[in-house]
Amino acid sequence: MSNSQLDDVYRHIDQEPWKSALAQTMASKYAALDYRPRPRKTVECGPYSKPDLGCSDEIDDATAAYTQALLW
């Protein structure tokens, strides 16, 4: 996100739908300060995540990193 996009959100954060979206994001597991990534040496993501050898972990870790970067 650009600084102008973040500034726009900040200006509206006490209004809907931004207010509810922030509350929902803050309540997610990805925003938890005790979130612990699950790194793997090798990740294999087959079609439709079958096999899922670290694929879901990688997606969760990336989502948590992005979420926390936006919030904190």
PDB file of N, CA and C in Angstrom:
ATOM      1  N   MET A   1       0.837  -1.170   0.000  1.00  0.00           N
ATOM      2  CA  MET A   1       0.000   0.000   0.000  1.00  0.00           C
ATOM      3  C   MET A   1       0.885   1.238   0.000  1.00  0.00           C
ATOM      4  N   SER A   2       0.399   2.266  -0.627  1.00  0.00           N
ATOM      5  CA  SER A   2       1.149   3.514  -0.670  1.00  0.00           C
ATOM      6  C   SER A   2       0.841   4.342   0.584  1.00  0.00           C
ATOM      7  N   ASN A   3       1.668   5.330   0.832  1.00  0.00           N
ATOM      8  CA  ASN A   3       1.416   6.222   1.976  1.00  0.00           C
ATOM      9  C   ASN A   3       0.083   6.932   1.831  1.00  0.00           C
ATOM     10  N   SER A   4      -0.270   7.334   0.616  1.00  0.00           N
ATOM     11  CA  SER A   4      -1.540   8.039   0.429  1.00  0.00           C
ATOM     12  C   SER A   4      -2.728   7.106   0.700  1.00  0.00           C
ATOM     13  N   GLN A   5      -2.602   5.835   0.341  1.00  0.00           N
ATOM     14  CA  GLN A   5      -3.674   4.884   0.644  1.00  0.00           C
ATOM     15  C   GLN A   5      -3.808   4.698   2.159  1.00  0.00           C
ATOM     16  N   LEU A   6      -2.682   4.551   2.839  1.00  0.00           N
ATOM     17  CA  LEU A   6      -2.726   4.403   4.300  1.00  0.00           C
ATOM     18  C   LEU A   6      -3.281   5.662   4.959  1.00  0.00           C
ATOM     19  N   ASP A   7      -2.888   6.829   4.466  1.00  0.00           N
ATOM     20  CA  ASP A   7      -3.417   8.088   5.012  1.00  0.00           C
ATOM     21  C   ASP A   7      -4.920   8.176   4.821  1.00  0.00           C
ATOM     22  N   ASP A   8      -5.404   7.729   3.673  1.00  0.00           N
ATOM     23  CA  ASP A   8      -6.849   7.753   3.408  1.00  0.00           C
ATOM     24  C   ASP A   8      -7.597   6.853   4.384  1.00  0.00           C
ATOM     25  N   VAL A   9      -7.074   5.670   4.612  1.00  0.00           N
ATOM     26  CA  VAL A   9      -7.700   4.762   5.578  1.00  0.00           C
ATOM     27  C   VAL A   9      -7.685   5.390   6.969  1.00  0.00           C
ATOM     28  N   TYR A  10      -6.554   5.966   7.358  1.00  0.00           N
ATOM     29  CA  TYR A  10      -6.428   6.580   8.680  1.00  0.00           C
ATOM     30  C   TYR A  10      -7.457   7.692   8.877  1.00  0.00           C
ATOM     31  N   ARG A  11      -7.705   8.481   7.834  1.00  0.00           N
ATOM     32  CA  ARG A  11      -8.689   9.567   7.933  1.00  0.00           C
ATOM     33  C   ARG A  11     -10.107   9.047   8.148  1.00  0.00           C
ATOM     34  N   HIS A  12     -10.378   7.829   7.705  1.00  0.00           N
ATOM     35  CA  HIS A  12     -11.731   7.285   7.766  1.00  0.00           C
ATOM     36  C   HIS A  12     -11.890   6.158   8.779  1.00  0.00           C
ATOM     37  N   ILE A  13     -10.883   5.869   9.565  1.00  0.00           N
ATOM     38  CA  ILE A  13     -10.869   4.662  10.390  1.00  0.00           C
ATOM     39  C   ILE A  13     -11.993   4.625  11.427  1.00  0.00           C
ATOM     40  N   ASP A  14     -12.538   5.772  11.783  1.00  0.00           N
ATOM     41  CA  ASP A  14     -13.639   5.789  12.758  1.00  0.00           C
ATOM     42  C   ASP A  14     -15.007   5.721  12.084  1.00  0.00           C
ATOM     43  N   GLN A  15     -15.019   5.506  10.776  1.00  0.00           N
ATOM     44  CA  GLN A  15     -16.263   5.393  10.013  1.00  0.00           C
ATOM     45  C   GLN A  15     -16.385   3.981   9.444  1.00  0.00           C
ATOM     46  N   GLU A  16     -17.610   3.589   9.144  1.00  0.00           N
ATOM     47  CA  GLU A  16     -17.834   2.294   8.492  1.00  0.00           C
ATOM     48  C   GLU A  16     -17.573   2.428   7.003  1.00  0.00           C
ATOM     49  N   PRO A  17     -17.078   1.433   6.359  1.00  0.00           N
ATOM     50  CA  PRO A  17     -16.818   0.067   6.799  1.00  0.00           C
ATOM     51  C   PRO A  17     -15.415  -0.127   7.393  1.00  0.00           C
ATOM     52  N   TRP A  18     -14.612   0.944   7.405  1.00  0.00           N
ATOM     53  CA  TRP A  18     -13.235   0.831   7.894  1.00  0.00           C
ATOM     54  C   TRP A  18     -13.184   0.414   9.364  1.00  0.00           C
ATOM     55  N   LYS A  19     -14.069   0.949  10.166  1.00  0.00           N
ATOM     56  CA  LYS A  19     -14.065   0.650  11.600  1.00  0.00           C
ATOM     57  C   LYS A  19     -14.282  -0.845  11.853  1.00  0.00           C
ATOM     58  N   SER A  20     -15.274  -1.428  11.203  1.00  0.00           N
ATOM     59  CA  SER A  20     -15.546  -2.860  11.359  1.00  0.00           C
ATOM     60  C   SER A  20     -14.419  -3.707  10.780  1.00  0.00           C
ATOM     61  N   ALA A  21     -13.871  -3.276   9.666  1.00  0.00           N
ATOM     62  CA  ALA A  21     -12.773  -4.025   9.044  1.00  0.00           C
ATOM     63  C   ALA A  21     -11.551  -4.037   9.960  1.00  0.00           C
ATOM     64  N   LEU A  22     -11.270  -2.913  10.603  1.00  0.00           N
ATOM     65  CA  LEU A  22     -10.146  -2.860  11.536  1.00  0.00           C
ATOM     66  C   LEU A  22     -10.386  -3.788  12.720  1.00  0.00           C
ATOM     67  N   ALA A  23     -11.580  -3.758  13.269  1.00  0.00           N
ATOM     68  CA  ALA A  23     -11.903  -4.632  14.409  1.00  0.00           C
ATOM     69  C   ALA A  23     -11.761  -6.103  14.024  1.00  0.00           C
ATOM     70  N   GLN A  24     -12.243  -6.455  12.854  1.00  0.00           N
ATOM     71  CA  GLN A  24     -12.147  -7.835  12.386  1.00  0.00           C
ATOM     72  C   GLN A  24     -10.685  -8.236  12.170  1.00  0.00           C
ATOM     73  N   THR A  25      -9.917  -7.344  11.613  1.00  0.00           N
ATOM     74  CA  THR A  25      -8.499  -7.624  11.388  1.00  0.00           C
ATOM     75  C   THR A  25      -7.758  -7.774  12.707  1.00  0.00           C
ATOM     76  N   MET A  26      -8.024  -6.888  13.652  1.00  0.00           N
ATOM     77  CA  MET A  26      -7.364  -6.950  14.957  1.00  0.00           C
ATOM     78  C   MET A  26      -7.689  -8.243  15.700  1.00  0.00           C
ATOM     79  N   ALA A  27      -8.876  -8.791  15.462  1.00  0.00           N
ATOM     80  CA  ALA A  27      -9.303 -10.017  16.139  1.00  0.00           C
ATOM     81  C   ALA A  27      -8.782 -11.282  15.455  1.00  0.00           C
ATOM     82  N   SER A  28      -8.182 -11.135  14.289  1.00  0.00           N
ATOM     83  CA  SER A  28      -7.727 -12.317  13.549  1.00  0.00           C
ATOM     84  C   SER A  28      -6.445 -12.883  14.148  1.00  0.00           C
ATOM     85  N   LYS A  29      -6.203 -14.157  13.876  1.00  0.00           N
ATOM     86  CA  LYS A  29      -4.986 -14.808  14.368  1.00  0.00           C
ATOM     87  C   LYS A  29      -3.747 -14.171  13.753  1.00  0.00           C
ATOM     88  N   TYR A  30      -3.897 -13.549  12.607  1.00  0.00           N
ATOM     89  CA  TYR A  30      -2.759 -12.954  11.917  1.00  0.00           C
ATOM     90  C   TYR A  30      -2.263 -11.676  12.590  1.00  0.00           C
ATOM     91  N   ALA A  31      -3.104 -11.031  13.365  1.00  0.00           N
ATOM     92  CA  ALA A  31      -2.719  -9.800  14.056  1.00  0.00           C
ATOM     93  C   ALA A  31      -2.148 -10.063  15.441  1.00  0.00           C
ATOM     94  N   ALA A  32      -2.246 -11.284  15.917  1.00  0.00           N
ATOM     95  CA  ALA A  32      -1.784 -11.607  17.269  1.00  0.00           C
ATOM     96  C   ALA A  32      -0.281 -11.371  17.397  1.00  0.00           C
ATOM     97  N   LEU A  33       0.104 -10.657  18.437  1.00  0.00           N
ATOM     98  CA  LEU A  33       1.521 -10.371  18.642  1.00  0.00           C
ATOM     99  C   LEU A  33       2.320 -11.618  18.971  1.00  0.00           C
ATOM    100  N   ASP A  34       1.636 -12.675  19.381  1.00  0.00           N
ATOM    101  CA  ASP A  34       2.341 -13.928  19.669  1.00  0.00           C
ATOM    102  C   ASP A  34       2.284 -14.908  18.496  1.00  0.00           C
ATOM    103  N   TYR A  35       1.874 -14.435  17.329  1.00  0.00           N
ATOM    104  CA  TYR A  35       1.875 -15.298  16.138  1.00  0.00           C
ATOM    105  C   TYR A  35       3.308 -15.766  15.883  1.00  0.00           C
ATOM    106  N   ARG A  36       3.461 -17.037  15.658  1.00  0.00           N
ATOM    107  CA  ARG A  36       4.780 -17.604  15.376  1.00  0.00           C
ATOM    108  C   ARG A  36       4.786 -18.230  13.986  1.00  0.00           C
ATOM    109  N   PRO A  37       5.687 -17.763  13.126  1.00  0.00           N
ATOM    110  CA  PRO A  37       5.775 -18.350  11.793  1.00  0.00           C
ATOM    111  C   PRO A  37       6.257 -19.801  11.854  1.00  0.00           C
ATOM    112  N   ARG A  38       5.916 -20.535  10.823  1.00  0.00           N
ATOM    113  CA  ARG A  38       6.292 -21.945  10.733  1.00  0.00           C
ATOM    114  C   ARG A  38       7.130 -22.148   9.467  1.00  0.00           C
ATOM    115  N   PRO A  39       8.387 -21.707   9.517  1.00  0.00           N
ATOM    116  CA  PRO A  39       9.224 -21.839   8.324  1.00  0.00           C
ATOM    117  C   PRO A  39       9.549 -23.293   8.006  1.00  0.00           C
ATOM    118  N   ARG A  40       9.752 -23.554   6.751  1.00  0.00           N
ATOM    119  CA  ARG A  40      10.134 -24.887   6.272  1.00  0.00           C
ATOM    120  C   ARG A  40      11.275 -24.729   5.287  1.00  0.00           C
ATOM    121  N   LYS A  41      12.122 -25.711   5.262  1.00  0.00           N
ATOM    122  CA  LYS A  41      13.231 -25.693   4.316  1.00  0.00           C
ATOM    123  C   LYS A  41      12.715 -25.838   2.889  1.00  0.00           C
ATOM    124  N   THR A  42      11.720 -26.712   2.714  1.00  0.00           N
ATOM    125  CA  THR A  42      11.137 -26.959   1.400  1.00  0.00           C
ATOM    126  C   THR A  42       9.622 -26.879   1.504  1.00  0.00           C
ATOM    127  N   VAL A  43       9.014 -26.171   0.579  1.00  0.00           N
ATOM    128  CA  VAL A  43       7.561 -26.054   0.522  1.00  0.00           C
ATOM    129  C   VAL A  43       7.095 -26.656  -0.800  1.00  0.00           C
ATOM    130  N   GLU A  44       6.101 -27.541  -0.714  1.00  0.00           N
ATOM    131  CA  GLU A  44       5.527 -28.143  -1.918  1.00  0.00           C
ATOM    132  C   GLU A  44       4.025 -27.889  -1.926  1.00  0.00           C
ATOM    133  N   CYS A  45       3.589 -27.190  -2.954  1.00  0.00           N
ATOM    134  CA  CYS A  45       2.168 -26.889  -3.117  1.00  0.00           C
ATOM    135  C   CYS A  45       1.702 -27.508  -4.430  1.00  0.00           C
ATOM    136  N   GLY A  46       1.027 -28.604  -4.310  1.00  0.00           N
ATOM    137  CA  GLY A  46       0.506 -29.247  -5.508  1.00  0.00           C
ATOM    138  C   GLY A  46      -0.770 -28.569  -5.973  1.00  0.00           C
ATOM    139  N   PRO A  47      -1.343 -29.080  -7.063  1.00  0.00           N
ATOM    140  CA  PRO A  47      -2.615 -28.539  -7.538  1.00  0.00           C
ATOM    141  C   PRO A  47      -3.677 -28.619  -6.439  1.00  0.00           C
ATOM    142  N   TYR A  48      -4.374 -27.523  -6.243  1.00  0.00           N
ATOM    143  CA  TYR A  48      -5.396 -27.444  -5.193  1.00  0.00           C
ATOM    144  C   TYR A  48      -4.804 -27.769  -3.820  1.00  0.00           C
ATOM    145  N   SER A  49      -3.511 -27.435  -3.650  1.00  0.00           N
ATOM    146  CA  SER A  49      -2.769 -27.664  -2.397  1.00  0.00           C
ATOM    147  C   SER A  49      -2.731 -29.138  -1.999  1.00  0.00           C
ATOM    148  N   LYS A  50      -2.665 -30.006  -2.968  1.00  0.00           N
ATOM    149  CA  LYS A  50      -2.522 -31.441  -2.707  1.00  0.00           C
ATOM    150  C   LYS A  50      -1.326 -31.935  -3.494  1.00  0.00           C
ATOM    151  N   PRO A  51      -0.190 -32.205  -2.911  1.00  0.00           N
ATOM    152  CA  PRO A  51       0.026 -32.233  -1.470  1.00  0.00           C
ATOM    153  C   PRO A  51       0.205 -30.817  -0.905  1.00  0.00           C
ATOM    154  N   ASP A  52      -0.030 -30.689   0.363  1.00  0.00           N
ATOM    155  CA  ASP A  52       0.164 -29.433   1.088  1.00  0.00           C
ATOM    156  C   ASP A  52       1.296 -29.655   2.090  1.00  0.00           C
ATOM    157  N   LEU A  53       2.501 -29.543   1.606  1.00  0.00           N
ATOM    158  CA  LEU A  53       3.673 -29.734   2.460  1.00  0.00           C
ATOM    159  C   LEU A  53       4.266 -28.366   2.768  1.00  0.00           C
ATOM    160  N   GLY A  54       3.587 -27.659   3.644  1.00  0.00           N
ATOM    161  CA  GLY A  54       4.024 -26.326   4.041  1.00  0.00           C
ATOM    162  C   GLY A  54       3.361 -25.197   3.284  1.00  0.00           C
ATOM    163  N   CYS A  55       2.545 -25.521   2.312  1.00  0.00           N
ATOM    164  CA  CYS A  55       1.902 -24.491   1.504  1.00  0.00           C
ATOM    165  C   CYS A  55       0.985 -23.602   2.357  1.00  0.00           C
ATOM    166  N   SER A  56       0.120 -24.199   3.139  1.00  0.00           N
ATOM    167  CA  SER A  56      -0.789 -23.429   4.002  1.00  0.00           C
ATOM    168  C   SER A  56      -0.014 -22.633   5.034  1.00  0.00           C
ATOM    169  N   ASP A  57       1.045 -23.225   5.580  1.00  0.00           N
ATOM    170  CA  ASP A  57       1.879 -22.505   6.549  1.00  0.00           C
ATOM    171  C   ASP A  57       2.499 -21.270   5.903  1.00  0.00           C
ATOM    172  N   GLU A  58       2.992 -21.430   4.682  1.00  0.00           N
ATOM    173  CA  GLU A  58       3.619 -20.313   3.971  1.00  0.00           C
ATOM    174  C   GLU A  58       2.610 -19.187   3.722  1.00  0.00           C
ATOM    175  N   ILE A  59       1.408 -19.540   3.321  1.00  0.00           N
ATOM    176  CA  ILE A  59       0.361 -18.547   3.077  1.00  0.00           C
ATOM    177  C   ILE A  59      -0.016 -17.842   4.379  1.00  0.00           C
ATOM    178  N   ASP A  60      -0.188 -18.598   5.455  1.00  0.00           N
ATOM    179  CA  ASP A  60      -0.516 -18.001   6.750  1.00  0.00           C
ATOM    180  C   ASP A  60       0.588 -17.062   7.217  1.00  0.00           C
ATOM    181  N   ASP A  61       1.834 -17.474   7.071  1.00  0.00           N
ATOM    182  CA  ASP A  61       2.957 -16.639   7.507  1.00  0.00           C
ATOM    183  C   ASP A  61       3.021 -15.333   6.719  1.00  0.00           C
ATOM    184  N   ALA A  62       2.798 -15.411   5.423  1.00  0.00           N
ATOM    185  CA  ALA A  62       2.807 -14.205   4.590  1.00  0.00           C
ATOM    186  C   ALA A  62       1.647 -13.286   4.955  1.00  0.00           C
ATOM    187  N   THR A  63       0.483 -13.860   5.210  1.00  0.00           N
ATOM    188  CA  THR A  63      -0.685 -13.070   5.604  1.00  0.00           C
ATOM    189  C   THR A  63      -0.442 -12.387   6.939  1.00  0.00           C
ATOM    190  N   ALA A  64       0.153 -13.096   7.878  1.00  0.00           N
ATOM    191  CA  ALA A  64       0.454 -12.512   9.188  1.00  0.00           C
ATOM    192  C   ALA A  64       1.471 -11.378   9.058  1.00  0.00           C
ATOM    193  N   ALA A  65       2.492 -11.570   8.250  1.00  0.00           N
ATOM    194  CA  ALA A  65       3.503 -10.529   8.070  1.00  0.00           C
ATOM    195  C   ALA A  65       2.885  -9.269   7.472  1.00  0.00           C
ATOM    196  N   TYR A  66       2.042  -9.438   6.475  1.00  0.00           N
ATOM    197  CA  TYR A  66       1.392  -8.287   5.839  1.00  0.00           C
ATOM    198  C   TYR A  66       0.430  -7.608   6.809  1.00  0.00           C
ATOM    199  N   THR A  67      -0.367  -8.400   7.510  1.00  0.00           N
ATOM    200  CA  THR A  67      -1.334  -7.846   8.465  1.00  0.00           C
ATOM    201  C   THR A  67      -0.624  -7.039   9.545  1.00  0.00           C
ATOM    202  N   GLN A  68       0.427  -7.614  10.111  1.00  0.00           N
ATOM    203  CA  GLN A  68       1.130  -6.927  11.185  1.00  0.00           C
ATOM    204  C   GLN A  68       1.865  -5.694  10.675  1.00  0.00           C
ATOM    205  N   ALA A  69       2.357  -5.731   9.455  1.00  0.00           N
ATOM    206  CA  ALA A  69       3.007  -4.549   8.888  1.00  0.00           C
ATOM    207  C   ALA A  69       2.006  -3.408   8.742  1.00  0.00           C
ATOM    208  N   LEU A  70       0.785  -3.722   8.350  1.00  0.00           N
ATOM    209  CA  LEU A  70      -0.241  -2.686   8.217  1.00  0.00           C
ATOM    210  C   LEU A  70      -0.685  -2.130   9.563  1.00  0.00           C
ATOM    211  N   LEU A  71      -0.781  -2.991  10.560  1.00  0.00           N
ATOM    212  CA  LEU A  71      -1.323  -2.573  11.854  1.00  0.00           C
ATOM    213  C   LEU A  71      -0.294  -1.908  12.752  1.00  0.00           C
ATOM    214  N   TRP A  72       0.905  -2.395  12.740  1.00  0.00           N
ATOM    215  CA  TRP A  72       1.883  -1.931  13.726  1.00  0.00           C
ATOM    216  C   TRP A  72       2.916  -1.082  13.051  1.00  0.00           C
TER     217      TRP A  72
END
